[in-house]
Amino acid sequence: MRTFLTQPFALDDVTKLRRAVAEAAEHCGLHGPRLDDFVLAVHESVVNAVEHAGGHGHFRLWTVDGIIRSETTDEGSGIPPAYVNGASRPSDQSYTGRGIYLIRRLCDAADFRTGPGGTTVRLTMRLPRGHDHGVPRAMRRIRVSSSGGHPFGRFTA
């Protein structure tokens, strides 16, 4: 596991945090529409915490096992059940309700844990093969032998 970001945030941090998420996700191999989708989903989770949960929260971004994952937590009063589902598209005239709807459609997985003590939003995107910079690779075993029976000589691997 490799952690890229872990920090508290408030309204003044939203733009800088969005930029940092974009850079880290791109470094991990996300690009094009998948990069844009992940960054927008993370942005929506952070903005929701700022707008609806007291103006601040905590953010974490990491990679593990071929995925990139973000976690946005707040100490608000929780998300009403009708919004958590996010299954139906809000009307074009609706002022609110788009954030969770978008989050659920932009990421490979979105998990919401919410209650009167706060909300945790965990977002997941699969990384392209070979781009998980957070998982240490096991070392390959190599047999080494010397020719001619000498302790030091020509080695083959």
C-alpha atoms as a PDB file:
ATOM      1  CA  MET A   1       0.000   0.000   0.000  1.00  0.00           C
ATOM      2  CA  ARG A   2       1.238   3.474  -0.835  1.00  0.00           C
ATOM      3  CA  THR A   3      -0.387   6.564   0.638  1.00  0.00           C
ATOM      4  CA  PHE A   4      -0.227   9.681  -1.533  1.00  0.00           C
ATOM      5  CA  LEU A   5      -2.257  12.143   0.526  1.00  0.00           C
ATOM      6  CA  THR A   6      -3.684  12.338   3.995  1.00  0.00           C
ATOM      7  CA  GLN A   7      -4.846  15.726   5.195  1.00  0.00           C
ATOM      8  CA  PRO A   8      -7.635  17.744   6.710  1.00  0.00           C
ATOM      9  CA  PHE A   9      -9.442  20.126   4.364  1.00  0.00           C
ATOM     10  CA  ALA A  10     -11.777  23.111   4.357  1.00  0.00           C
ATOM     11  CA  LEU A  11     -13.223  25.303   1.611  1.00  0.00           C
ATOM     12  CA  ASP A  12      -9.912  27.074   0.947  1.00  0.00           C
ATOM     13  CA  ASP A  13      -8.204  23.705   0.290  1.00  0.00           C
ATOM     14  CA  VAL A  14     -10.614  22.305  -2.309  1.00  0.00           C
ATOM     15  CA  THR A  15      -8.831  23.532  -5.459  1.00  0.00           C
ATOM     16  CA  LYS A  16      -5.358  22.587  -4.239  1.00  0.00           C
ATOM     17  CA  LEU A  17      -6.619  19.170  -3.123  1.00  0.00           C
ATOM     18  CA  ARG A  18      -8.260  18.556  -6.510  1.00  0.00           C
ATOM     19  CA  ARG A  19      -4.965  19.362  -8.264  1.00  0.00           C
ATOM     20  CA  ALA A  20      -3.004  17.057  -5.942  1.00  0.00           C
ATOM     21  CA  VAL A  21      -5.466  14.202  -6.542  1.00  0.00           C
ATOM     22  CA  ALA A  22      -5.201  14.678 -10.321  1.00  0.00           C
ATOM     23  CA  GLU A  23      -1.398  14.609 -10.204  1.00  0.00           C
ATOM     24  CA  ALA A  24      -1.254  11.528  -7.972  1.00  0.00           C
ATOM     25  CA  ALA A  25      -3.865   9.618  -9.989  1.00  0.00           C
ATOM     26  CA  GLU A  26      -2.075  10.444 -13.234  1.00  0.00           C
ATOM     27  CA  HIS A  27       1.226   9.300 -11.699  1.00  0.00           C
ATOM     28  CA  CYS A  28      -0.488   5.992 -10.888  1.00  0.00           C
ATOM     29  CA  GLY A  29      -1.511   5.502 -14.519  1.00  0.00           C
ATOM     30  CA  LEU A  30      -5.011   6.923 -14.779  1.00  0.00           C
ATOM     31  CA  HIS A  31      -5.416   9.055 -17.878  1.00  0.00           C
ATOM     32  CA  GLY A  32      -8.053  10.456 -20.206  1.00  0.00           C
ATOM     33  CA  PRO A  33     -11.708  10.034 -19.227  1.00  0.00           C
ATOM     34  CA  ARG A  34     -10.944   7.672 -16.312  1.00  0.00           C
ATOM     35  CA  LEU A  35      -8.641  10.256 -14.755  1.00  0.00           C
ATOM     36  CA  ASP A  36     -11.247  12.980 -15.281  1.00  0.00           C
ATOM     37  CA  ASP A  37     -14.001  10.788 -13.817  1.00  0.00           C
ATOM     38  CA  PHE A  38     -12.011   9.905 -10.705  1.00  0.00           C
ATOM     39  CA  VAL A  39     -10.945  13.503 -10.042  1.00  0.00           C
ATOM     40  CA  LEU A  40     -14.515  14.782 -10.480  1.00  0.00           C
ATOM     41  CA  ALA A  41     -15.920  12.099  -8.165  1.00  0.00           C
ATOM     42  CA  VAL A  42     -13.344  12.923  -5.477  1.00  0.00           C
ATOM     43  CA  HIS A  43     -14.083  16.635  -5.913  1.00  0.00           C
ATOM     44  CA  GLU A  44     -17.812  15.986  -5.429  1.00  0.00           C
ATOM     45  CA  SER A  45     -17.175  14.023  -2.222  1.00  0.00           C
ATOM     46  CA  VAL A  46     -14.999  16.811  -0.806  1.00  0.00           C
ATOM     47  CA  VAL A  47     -17.405  19.592  -1.844  1.00  0.00           C
ATOM     48  CA  ASN A  48     -20.320  17.678  -0.289  1.00  0.00           C
ATOM     49  CA  ALA A  49     -18.443  17.571   3.026  1.00  0.00           C
ATOM     50  CA  VAL A  50     -17.719  21.301   2.830  1.00  0.00           C
ATOM     51  CA  GLU A  51     -21.274  22.282   1.829  1.00  0.00           C
ATOM     52  CA  HIS A  52     -23.321  19.869   3.933  1.00  0.00           C
ATOM     53  CA  ALA A  53     -21.179  18.704   6.858  1.00  0.00           C
ATOM     54  CA  GLY A  54     -19.756  21.691   8.677  1.00  0.00           C
ATOM     55  CA  GLY A  55     -17.276  23.054   6.150  1.00  0.00           C
ATOM     56  CA  HIS A  56     -14.381  20.663   6.735  1.00  0.00           C
ATOM     57  CA  GLY A  57     -13.296  17.044   6.696  1.00  0.00           C
ATOM     58  CA  HIS A  58     -10.376  14.707   6.244  1.00  0.00           C
ATOM     59  CA  PHE A  59      -9.086  13.228   2.979  1.00  0.00           C
ATOM     60  CA  ARG A  60      -6.885  10.225   2.220  1.00  0.00           C
ATOM     61  CA  LEU A  61      -5.644   8.830  -1.136  1.00  0.00           C
ATOM     62  CA  TRP A  62      -3.748   5.565  -1.600  1.00  0.00           C
ATOM     63  CA  THR A  63      -3.080   2.664  -3.955  1.00  0.00           C
ATOM     64  CA  VAL A  64      -3.226  -1.033  -3.184  1.00  0.00           C
ATOM     65  CA  ASP A  65      -3.577  -4.220  -5.247  1.00  0.00           C
ATOM     66  CA  GLY A  66      -4.041  -2.507  -8.617  1.00  0.00           C
ATOM     67  CA  ILE A  67      -6.555   0.122  -7.491  1.00  0.00           C
ATOM     68  CA  ILE A  68      -6.507   3.744  -6.416  1.00  0.00           C
ATOM     69  CA  ARG A  69      -8.788   4.619  -3.547  1.00  0.00           C
ATOM     70  CA  SER A  70      -9.854   7.826  -1.860  1.00  0.00           C
ATOM     71  CA  GLU A  71     -11.614   8.350   1.439  1.00  0.00           C
ATOM     72  CA  THR A  72     -13.412  11.539   2.431  1.00  0.00           C
ATOM     73  CA  THR A  73     -14.664  11.741   6.018  1.00  0.00           C
ATOM     74  CA  ASP A  74     -16.631  14.394   7.836  1.00  0.00           C
ATOM     75  CA  GLU A  75     -18.373  14.863  11.150  1.00  0.00           C
ATOM     76  CA  GLY A  76     -21.701  16.085   9.780  1.00  0.00           C
ATOM     77  CA  SER A  77     -25.148  14.819  10.683  1.00  0.00           C
ATOM     78  CA  GLY A  78     -25.190  12.165   7.957  1.00  0.00           C
ATOM     79  CA  ILE A  79     -26.719  11.865   4.504  1.00  0.00           C
ATOM     80  CA  PRO A  80     -30.493  11.336   4.278  1.00  0.00           C
ATOM     81  CA  PRO A  81     -31.269   7.799   3.015  1.00  0.00           C
ATOM     82  CA  ALA A  82     -33.023   9.081  -0.126  1.00  0.00           C
ATOM     83  CA  TYR A  83     -29.756  10.718  -1.264  1.00  0.00           C
ATOM     84  CA  VAL A  84     -27.375   7.867  -0.354  1.00  0.00           C
ATOM     85  CA  ASN A  85     -28.983   5.551  -2.898  1.00  0.00           C
ATOM     86  CA  GLY A  86     -28.236   7.968  -5.760  1.00  0.00           C
ATOM     87  CA  ALA A  87     -30.034   5.654  -8.175  1.00  0.00           C
ATOM     88  CA  SER A  88     -32.235   8.168  -9.934  1.00  0.00           C
ATOM     89  CA  ARG A  89     -31.018  11.210 -11.807  1.00  0.00           C
ATOM     90  CA  PRO A  90     -32.066  14.487 -10.198  1.00  0.00           C
ATOM     91  CA  SER A  91     -34.275  16.704 -12.333  1.00  0.00           C
ATOM     92  CA  ASP A  92     -32.632  19.428 -14.401  1.00  0.00           C
ATOM     93  CA  GLN A  93     -34.387  22.023 -12.209  1.00  0.00           C
ATOM     94  CA  SER A  94     -33.115  20.504  -8.954  1.00  0.00           C
ATOM     95  CA  TYR A  95     -30.504  22.560  -7.119  1.00  0.00           C
ATOM     96  CA  THR A  96     -29.071  19.658  -5.125  1.00  0.00           C
ATOM     97  CA  GLY A  97     -28.673  15.905  -5.327  1.00  0.00           C
ATOM     98  CA  ARG A  98     -26.257  15.564  -8.236  1.00  0.00           C
ATOM     99  CA  GLY A  99     -23.064  14.880  -6.280  1.00  0.00           C
ATOM    100  CA  ILE A 100     -23.834  11.368  -5.070  1.00  0.00           C
ATOM    101  CA  TYR A 101     -25.560  10.519  -8.363  1.00  0.00           C
ATOM    102  CA  LEU A 102     -22.384  11.499 -10.244  1.00  0.00           C
ATOM    103  CA  ILE A 103     -20.033   9.796  -7.788  1.00  0.00           C
ATOM    104  CA  ARG A 104     -21.840   6.471  -8.178  1.00  0.00           C
ATOM    105  CA  ARG A 105     -21.556   6.652 -11.976  1.00  0.00           C
ATOM    106  CA  LEU A 106     -18.005   7.971 -12.311  1.00  0.00           C
ATOM    107  CA  CYS A 107     -16.100   5.436 -10.182  1.00  0.00           C
ATOM    108  CA  ASP A 108     -15.726   1.678 -10.397  1.00  0.00           C
ATOM    109  CA  ALA A 109     -17.009   1.488  -6.808  1.00  0.00           C
ATOM    110  CA  ALA A 110     -18.411   3.975  -4.293  1.00  0.00           C
ATOM    111  CA  ASP A 111     -19.157   3.121  -0.679  1.00  0.00           C
ATOM    112  CA  PHE A 112     -21.023   5.463   1.680  1.00  0.00           C
ATOM    113  CA  ARG A 113     -21.029   4.951   5.447  1.00  0.00           C
ATOM    114  CA  THR A 114     -23.195   7.574   7.052  1.00  0.00           C
ATOM    115  CA  GLY A 115     -24.946   8.319  10.293  1.00  0.00           C
ATOM    116  CA  PRO A 116     -25.493  11.053  12.877  1.00  0.00           C
ATOM    117  CA  GLY A 117     -21.760  11.091  13.709  1.00  0.00           C
ATOM    118  CA  GLY A 118     -20.561  11.739  10.172  1.00  0.00           C
ATOM    119  CA  THR A 119     -19.994  10.244   6.759  1.00  0.00           C
ATOM    120  CA  THR A 120     -17.180   8.330   5.084  1.00  0.00           C
ATOM    121  CA  VAL A 121     -17.139   8.148   1.295  1.00  0.00           C
ATOM    122  CA  ARG A 122     -14.718   5.632  -0.202  1.00  0.00           C
ATOM    123  CA  LEU A 123     -14.132   5.771  -3.967  1.00  0.00           C
ATOM    124  CA  THR A 124     -12.291   3.142  -6.001  1.00  0.00           C
ATOM    125  CA  MET A 125     -10.887   2.996  -9.539  1.00  0.00           C
ATOM    126  CA  ARG A 126      -8.967   0.130 -11.100  1.00  0.00           C
ATOM    127  CA  LEU A 127      -5.537   1.141 -12.366  1.00  0.00           C
ATOM    128  CA  PRO A 128      -4.233   0.077 -15.773  1.00  0.00           C
ATOM    129  CA  ARG A 129      -2.119  -3.065 -15.578  1.00  0.00           C
ATOM    130  CA  GLY A 130       1.455  -2.409 -14.510  1.00  0.00           C
ATOM    131  CA  HIS A 131       0.737   0.989 -12.963  1.00  0.00           C
ATOM    132  CA  ASP A 132       0.206   0.176  -9.298  1.00  0.00           C
ATOM    133  CA  HIS A 133       3.054   2.145  -7.753  1.00  0.00           C
ATOM    134  CA  GLY A 134       1.905   1.276  -4.267  1.00  0.00           C
ATOM    135  CA  VAL A 135       2.349  -2.477  -4.124  1.00  0.00           C
ATOM    136  CA  PRO A 136       5.831  -3.821  -3.496  1.00  0.00           C
ATOM    137  CA  ARG A 137       6.653  -6.624  -5.895  1.00  0.00           C
ATOM    138  CA  ALA A 138       8.035  -9.893  -4.572  1.00  0.00           C
ATOM    139  CA  MET A 139      11.672 -10.472  -5.488  1.00  0.00           C
ATOM    140  CA  ARG A 140      12.256 -13.167  -8.078  1.00  0.00           C
ATOM    141  CA  ARG A 141      14.429 -16.056  -6.971  1.00  0.00           C
ATOM    142  CA  ILE A 142      17.435 -16.651  -9.202  1.00  0.00           C
ATOM    143  CA  ARG A 143      19.645 -19.718  -9.043  1.00  0.00           C
ATOM    144  CA  VAL A 144      23.284 -18.890  -9.504  1.00  0.00           C
ATOM    145  CA  SER A 145      25.902 -21.487 -10.306  1.00  0.00           C
ATOM    146  CA  SER A 146      29.525 -21.310 -11.256  1.00  0.00           C
ATOM    147  CA  SER A 147      31.039 -23.340 -14.041  1.00  0.00           C
ATOM    148  CA  GLY A 148      34.084 -25.487 -13.410  1.00  0.00           C
ATOM    149  CA  GLY A 149      33.428 -25.992  -9.711  1.00  0.00           C
ATOM    150  CA  HIS A 150      35.467 -22.948  -8.714  1.00  0.00           C
ATOM    151  CA  PRO A 151      34.119 -20.789  -5.908  1.00  0.00           C
ATOM    152  CA  PHE A 152      34.656 -17.723  -8.100  1.00  0.00           C
ATOM    153  CA  GLY A 153      34.230 -17.999 -11.820  1.00  0.00           C
ATOM    154  CA  ARG A 154      31.783 -17.509 -14.623  1.00  0.00           C
ATOM    155  CA  PHE A 155      28.255 -17.241 -13.256  1.00  0.00           C
ATOM    156  CA  THR A 156      24.996 -17.942 -15.041  1.00  0.00           C
ATOM    157  CA  ALA A 157      21.599 -16.840 -13.881  1.00  0.00           C
END
